[in-house]
Amino acid sequence: MIEFICYPKCTTCQKAKKWLDDNKIEYELRDIKKDNPSYEELSAWYKMSGLPLKKYFNTSGLLYKSMELKDKLTAMSEEEQLKLLSTDGMLVKRPLVIGKDFVLVGFKESEWSEKL
């Protein structure tokens, strides 16, 4: 069973959820605003995904913009960035799909079709 981490009000998350349902893929739903990923979870997912850490930030989010993170992230260590991400689910790019040996960040239908 995969874990589907989303923000229910996000339109991209709604599309992703519909895609999972239409493709009859079972998942455990987790609201990122109510149950923010921990530092340990984010660290493990980051390592497993092989993606740059910047991909985990919701760069179009209001919180990201209000904190002016675009200019600050480059000066931060990976540990500092992971700790920051773990403080608020609204900083994390979504949806996230966590499988046994993979992590999908954001909704790209072709990528999801390949992995799921």
N, C-alpha and C. Protein backbone atom coordinates (compact mmCIF):
# COMPACT_ATOMS: atom_id res chain seq x y z
N MET A 1 0.85 -1.19 0.00
CA MET A 1 0.00 0.00 0.00
C MET A 1 0.88 1.25 0.00
N ILE A 2 0.54 2.19 -0.87
CA ILE A 2 1.30 3.44 -0.92
C ILE A 2 0.67 4.48 0.01
N GLU A 3 1.47 5.47 0.36
CA GLU A 3 0.97 6.58 1.16
C GLU A 3 0.82 7.77 0.22
N PHE A 4 -0.35 8.38 0.23
CA PHE A 4 -0.64 9.54 -0.61
C PHE A 4 -0.77 10.74 0.31
N ILE A 5 0.21 11.63 0.22
CA ILE A 5 0.25 12.79 1.10
C ILE A 5 -0.14 14.02 0.28
N CYS A 6 -1.19 14.68 0.73
CA CYS A 6 -1.71 15.79 -0.06
C CYS A 6 -2.32 16.86 0.84
N TYR A 7 -2.70 17.95 0.21
CA TYR A 7 -3.48 19.00 0.86
C TYR A 7 -4.82 18.98 0.12
N PRO A 8 -5.89 18.54 0.79
CA PRO A 8 -7.17 18.33 0.11
C PRO A 8 -7.71 19.52 -0.69
N LYS A 9 -7.35 20.75 -0.32
CA LYS A 9 -7.85 21.93 -1.03
C LYS A 9 -7.05 22.25 -2.29
N CYS A 10 -5.92 21.60 -2.46
CA CYS A 10 -5.03 21.83 -3.61
C CYS A 10 -5.61 21.17 -4.85
N THR A 11 -5.76 21.92 -5.94
CA THR A 11 -6.36 21.36 -7.16
C THR A 11 -5.49 20.27 -7.79
N THR A 12 -4.17 20.43 -7.72
CA THR A 12 -3.29 19.38 -8.25
C THR A 12 -3.45 18.10 -7.45
N CYS A 13 -3.57 18.24 -6.14
CA CYS A 13 -3.78 17.06 -5.28
C CYS A 13 -5.11 16.39 -5.60
N GLN A 14 -6.13 17.19 -5.87
CA GLN A 14 -7.44 16.64 -6.23
C GLN A 14 -7.35 15.85 -7.54
N LYS A 15 -6.61 16.39 -8.51
CA LYS A 15 -6.42 15.69 -9.79
C LYS A 15 -5.67 14.37 -9.56
N ALA A 16 -4.65 14.42 -8.73
CA ALA A 16 -3.84 13.24 -8.44
C ALA A 16 -4.68 12.16 -7.74
N LYS A 17 -5.51 12.59 -6.80
CA LYS A 17 -6.38 11.66 -6.08
C LYS A 17 -7.37 11.00 -7.05
N LYS A 18 -7.94 11.80 -7.94
CA LYS A 18 -8.87 11.28 -8.94
C LYS A 18 -8.14 10.26 -9.83
N TRP A 19 -6.91 10.56 -10.21
CA TRP A 19 -6.13 9.65 -11.04
C TRP A 19 -5.92 8.32 -10.33
N LEU A 20 -5.55 8.39 -9.04
CA LEU A 20 -5.36 7.16 -8.25
C LEU A 20 -6.65 6.36 -8.20
N ASP A 21 -7.76 7.05 -7.92
CA ASP A 21 -9.07 6.39 -7.83
C ASP A 21 -9.47 5.78 -9.18
N ASP A 22 -9.30 6.55 -10.26
CA ASP A 22 -9.66 6.06 -11.60
C ASP A 22 -8.84 4.84 -12.00
N ASN A 23 -7.61 4.78 -11.52
CA ASN A 23 -6.72 3.67 -11.85
C ASN A 23 -6.77 2.55 -10.80
N LYS A 24 -7.71 2.68 -9.87
CA LYS A 24 -7.96 1.67 -8.84
C LYS A 24 -6.69 1.32 -8.05
N ILE A 25 -5.95 2.37 -7.70
CA ILE A 25 -4.73 2.19 -6.92
C ILE A 25 -5.07 2.49 -5.46
N GLU A 26 -4.82 1.51 -4.61
CA GLU A 26 -5.11 1.69 -3.18
C GLU A 26 -4.04 2.54 -2.52
N TYR A 27 -4.47 3.39 -1.62
CA TYR A 27 -3.54 4.27 -0.93
C TYR A 27 -4.07 4.63 0.44
N GLU A 28 -3.15 5.07 1.26
CA GLU A 28 -3.50 5.61 2.57
C GLU A 28 -3.35 7.12 2.46
N LEU A 29 -4.42 7.85 2.74
CA LEU A 29 -4.44 9.30 2.59
C LEU A 29 -3.91 9.99 3.85
N ARG A 30 -3.09 10.99 3.64
CA ARG A 30 -2.54 11.78 4.75
C ARG A 30 -2.61 13.26 4.38
N ASP A 31 -3.25 14.05 5.22
CA ASP A 31 -3.37 15.49 5.01
C ASP A 31 -2.09 16.16 5.51
N ILE A 32 -1.36 16.75 4.60
CA ILE A 32 -0.05 17.31 4.93
C ILE A 32 -0.14 18.50 5.88
N LYS A 33 -1.28 19.17 5.88
CA LYS A 33 -1.44 20.32 6.79
C LYS A 33 -1.69 19.85 8.23
N LYS A 34 -2.45 18.77 8.37
CA LYS A 34 -2.77 18.24 9.71
C LYS A 34 -1.66 17.33 10.25
N ASP A 35 -0.96 16.64 9.35
CA ASP A 35 0.06 15.66 9.74
C ASP A 35 1.32 15.89 8.91
N ASN A 36 2.05 16.93 9.29
CA ASN A 36 3.25 17.33 8.57
C ASN A 36 4.33 16.24 8.63
N PRO A 37 5.00 15.99 7.51
CA PRO A 37 6.10 15.01 7.54
C PRO A 37 7.20 15.45 8.51
N SER A 38 7.75 14.49 9.22
CA SER A 38 8.82 14.77 10.19
C SER A 38 10.16 14.92 9.47
N TYR A 39 11.12 15.42 10.20
CA TYR A 39 12.49 15.54 9.69
C TYR A 39 13.00 14.17 9.23
N GLU A 40 12.75 13.15 10.04
CA GLU A 40 13.22 11.79 9.74
C GLU A 40 12.57 11.27 8.45
N GLU A 41 11.26 11.48 8.31
CA GLU A 41 10.56 11.03 7.10
C GLU A 41 11.10 11.75 5.87
N LEU A 42 11.18 13.06 5.95
CA LEU A 42 11.66 13.86 4.81
C LEU A 42 13.09 13.47 4.43
N SER A 43 13.92 13.24 5.41
CA SER A 43 15.30 12.85 5.16
C SER A 43 15.36 11.50 4.43
N ALA A 44 14.57 10.55 4.90
CA ALA A 44 14.54 9.22 4.28
C ALA A 44 14.00 9.30 2.84
N TRP A 45 12.93 10.05 2.65
CA TRP A 45 12.33 10.18 1.31
C TRP A 45 13.29 10.86 0.35
N TYR A 46 13.95 11.90 0.83
CA TYR A 46 14.91 12.64 0.02
C TYR A 46 16.02 11.70 -0.45
N LYS A 47 16.56 10.91 0.46
CA LYS A 47 17.63 9.98 0.11
C LYS A 47 17.14 8.90 -0.86
N MET A 48 15.94 8.39 -0.62
CA MET A 48 15.39 7.32 -1.47
C MET A 48 15.06 7.83 -2.88
N SER A 49 14.63 9.07 -2.99
CA SER A 49 14.17 9.58 -4.29
C SER A 49 15.31 9.92 -5.24
N GLY A 50 16.45 10.32 -4.70
CA GLY A 50 17.55 10.74 -5.56
C GLY A 50 17.32 12.12 -6.18
N LEU A 51 16.24 12.79 -5.80
CA LEU A 51 15.94 14.12 -6.34
C LEU A 51 16.70 15.21 -5.58
N PRO A 52 16.92 16.35 -6.25
CA PRO A 52 17.53 17.47 -5.50
C PRO A 52 16.55 17.91 -4.40
N LEU A 53 17.07 18.35 -3.28
CA LEU A 53 16.24 18.74 -2.15
C LEU A 53 15.29 19.88 -2.50
N LYS A 54 15.71 20.75 -3.40
CA LYS A 54 14.88 21.88 -3.81
C LYS A 54 13.52 21.40 -4.36
N LYS A 55 13.49 20.21 -4.95
CA LYS A 55 12.24 19.66 -5.51
C LYS A 55 11.19 19.42 -4.43
N TYR A 56 11.60 19.36 -3.18
CA TYR A 56 10.66 19.11 -2.08
C TYR A 56 9.99 20.38 -1.58
N PHE A 57 10.44 21.53 -2.06
CA PHE A 57 9.85 22.79 -1.62
C PHE A 57 8.71 23.20 -2.55
N ASN A 58 7.63 23.67 -1.94
CA ASN A 58 6.47 24.17 -2.67
C ASN A 58 6.79 25.62 -3.07
N THR A 59 7.52 25.77 -4.17
CA THR A 59 8.03 27.09 -4.57
C THR A 59 6.92 28.05 -5.00
N SER A 60 5.74 27.54 -5.29
CA SER A 60 4.64 28.44 -5.66
C SER A 60 3.75 28.78 -4.47
N GLY A 61 4.08 28.25 -3.30
CA GLY A 61 3.27 28.47 -2.11
C GLY A 61 3.46 29.85 -1.49
N LEU A 62 2.43 30.32 -0.83
CA LEU A 62 2.47 31.64 -0.19
C LEU A 62 3.52 31.70 0.92
N LEU A 63 3.62 30.63 1.69
CA LEU A 63 4.58 30.60 2.80
C LEU A 63 6.02 30.67 2.27
N TYR A 64 6.31 29.91 1.23
CA TYR A 64 7.64 29.92 0.60
C TYR A 64 7.99 31.34 0.16
N LYS A 65 7.03 31.99 -0.48
CA LYS A 65 7.25 33.36 -0.98
C LYS A 65 7.38 34.36 0.15
N SER A 66 6.51 34.26 1.16
CA SER A 66 6.55 35.23 2.27
C SER A 66 7.84 35.10 3.08
N MET A 67 8.39 33.90 3.13
CA MET A 67 9.66 33.69 3.86
C MET A 67 10.87 34.01 2.99
N GLU A 68 10.62 34.37 1.72
CA GLU A 68 11.68 34.70 0.76
C GLU A 68 12.73 33.61 0.67
N LEU A 69 12.26 32.36 0.57
CA LEU A 69 13.17 31.22 0.57
C LEU A 69 13.96 31.06 -0.71
N LYS A 70 13.47 31.63 -1.79
CA LYS A 70 14.19 31.50 -3.07
C LYS A 70 15.65 31.94 -2.92
N ASP A 71 15.84 33.03 -2.19
CA ASP A 71 17.20 33.56 -2.01
C ASP A 71 17.94 32.93 -0.84
N LYS A 72 17.21 32.36 0.10
CA LYS A 72 17.83 31.84 1.33
C LYS A 72 18.27 30.37 1.24
N LEU A 73 17.60 29.57 0.41
CA LEU A 73 17.88 28.13 0.38
C LEU A 73 19.32 27.80 0.00
N THR A 74 19.87 28.54 -0.93
CA THR A 74 21.23 28.23 -1.40
C THR A 74 22.26 28.35 -0.28
N ALA A 75 22.00 29.21 0.70
CA ALA A 75 22.94 29.40 1.81
C ALA A 75 22.71 28.42 2.95
N MET A 76 21.64 27.62 2.85
CA MET A 76 21.31 26.68 3.93
C MET A 76 21.87 25.29 3.63
N SER A 77 22.27 24.59 4.70
CA SER A 77 22.73 23.21 4.53
C SER A 77 21.52 22.31 4.27
N GLU A 78 21.77 21.09 3.81
CA GLU A 78 20.67 20.14 3.59
C GLU A 78 19.91 19.89 4.88
N GLU A 79 20.65 19.75 5.98
CA GLU A 79 20.00 19.51 7.28
C GLU A 79 19.09 20.67 7.66
N GLU A 80 19.56 21.89 7.45
CA GLU A 80 18.73 23.07 7.76
C GLU A 80 17.48 23.11 6.88
N GLN A 81 17.64 22.75 5.62
CA GLN A 81 16.50 22.74 4.70
C GLN A 81 15.48 21.68 5.12
N LEU A 82 15.95 20.50 5.47
CA LEU A 82 15.05 19.42 5.91
C LEU A 82 14.33 19.81 7.20
N LYS A 83 15.05 20.44 8.12
CA LYS A 83 14.42 20.89 9.38
C LYS A 83 13.35 21.93 9.08
N LEU A 84 13.64 22.83 8.16
CA LEU A 84 12.67 23.86 7.79
C LEU A 84 11.42 23.22 7.17
N LEU A 85 11.62 22.28 6.25
CA LEU A 85 10.49 21.58 5.62
C LEU A 85 9.62 20.89 6.66
N SER A 86 10.23 20.37 7.70
CA SER A 86 9.48 19.62 8.70
C SER A 86 8.68 20.53 9.65
N THR A 87 8.85 21.85 9.53
CA THR A 87 8.13 22.76 10.42
C THR A 87 6.72 23.05 9.95
N ASP A 88 6.46 22.94 8.64
CA ASP A 88 5.14 23.29 8.12
C ASP A 88 4.87 22.57 6.80
N GLY A 89 3.79 21.81 6.76
CA GLY A 89 3.42 21.06 5.55
C GLY A 89 3.19 21.93 4.33
N MET A 90 2.87 23.20 4.55
CA MET A 90 2.63 24.09 3.42
C MET A 90 3.91 24.46 2.68
N LEU A 91 5.06 24.16 3.26
CA LEU A 91 6.33 24.39 2.58
C LEU A 91 6.68 23.23 1.64
N VAL A 92 6.05 22.08 1.85
CA VAL A 92 6.40 20.87 1.12
C VAL A 92 5.60 20.76 -0.17
N LYS A 93 6.31 20.46 -1.26
CA LYS A 93 5.64 20.25 -2.55
C LYS A 93 4.74 19.03 -2.44
N ARG A 94 3.60 19.13 -3.04
CA ARG A 94 2.63 18.05 -2.97
C ARG A 94 1.95 17.89 -4.31
N PRO A 95 1.32 16.78 -4.52
CA PRO A 95 1.23 15.62 -3.64
C PRO A 95 2.53 14.83 -3.60
N LEU A 96 2.64 14.00 -2.57
CA LEU A 96 3.75 13.06 -2.44
C LEU A 96 3.17 11.66 -2.43
N VAL A 97 3.81 10.76 -3.13
CA VAL A 97 3.43 9.34 -3.06
C VAL A 97 4.66 8.60 -2.55
N ILE A 98 4.45 7.89 -1.45
CA ILE A 98 5.56 7.15 -0.85
C ILE A 98 5.27 5.66 -1.00
N GLY A 99 6.14 4.98 -1.73
CA GLY A 99 6.04 3.54 -1.88
C GLY A 99 7.14 2.86 -1.09
N LYS A 100 7.22 1.56 -1.22
CA LYS A 100 8.23 0.80 -0.48
C LYS A 100 9.66 1.20 -0.89
N ASP A 101 9.84 1.45 -2.18
CA ASP A 101 11.19 1.78 -2.67
C ASP A 101 11.22 2.96 -3.63
N PHE A 102 10.21 3.82 -3.54
CA PHE A 102 10.20 5.01 -4.40
C PHE A 102 9.42 6.14 -3.75
N VAL A 103 9.69 7.35 -4.26
CA VAL A 103 8.99 8.56 -3.82
C VAL A 103 8.65 9.36 -5.07
N LEU A 104 7.41 9.79 -5.18
CA LEU A 104 7.00 10.67 -6.27
C LEU A 104 6.66 12.03 -5.66
N VAL A 105 7.24 13.09 -6.22
CA VAL A 105 7.01 14.44 -5.71
C VAL A 105 6.30 15.24 -6.79
N GLY A 106 5.11 15.75 -6.46
CA GLY A 106 4.31 16.46 -7.46
C GLY A 106 3.56 15.46 -8.31
N PHE A 107 2.63 15.95 -9.12
CA PHE A 107 1.83 15.06 -9.95
C PHE A 107 2.21 15.19 -11.41
N LYS A 108 2.89 14.17 -11.92
CA LYS A 108 3.20 14.06 -13.35
C LYS A 108 2.63 12.72 -13.79
N GLU A 109 1.55 12.79 -14.55
CA GLU A 109 0.81 11.57 -14.90
C GLU A 109 1.69 10.50 -15.54
N SER A 110 2.60 10.88 -16.41
CA SER A 110 3.46 9.89 -17.08
C SER A 110 4.37 9.19 -16.07
N GLU A 111 4.91 9.96 -15.15
CA GLU A 111 5.79 9.40 -14.11
C GLU A 111 5.00 8.46 -13.20
N TRP A 112 3.79 8.88 -12.85
CA TRP A 112 2.95 8.07 -11.97
C TRP A 112 2.53 6.77 -12.68
N SER A 113 2.19 6.87 -13.96
CA SER A 113 1.80 5.68 -14.73
C SER A 113 2.92 4.65 -14.75
N GLU A 114 4.14 5.15 -14.88
CA GLU A 114 5.32 4.28 -14.94
C GLU A 114 5.58 3.57 -13.60
N LYS A 115 5.46 4.32 -12.50
CA LYS A 115 5.78 3.78 -11.17
C LYS A 115 4.65 3.00 -10.52
N LEU A 116 3.41 3.43 -10.81
CA LEU A 116 2.28 2.82 -10.12
C LEU A 116 1.55 1.86 -11.04
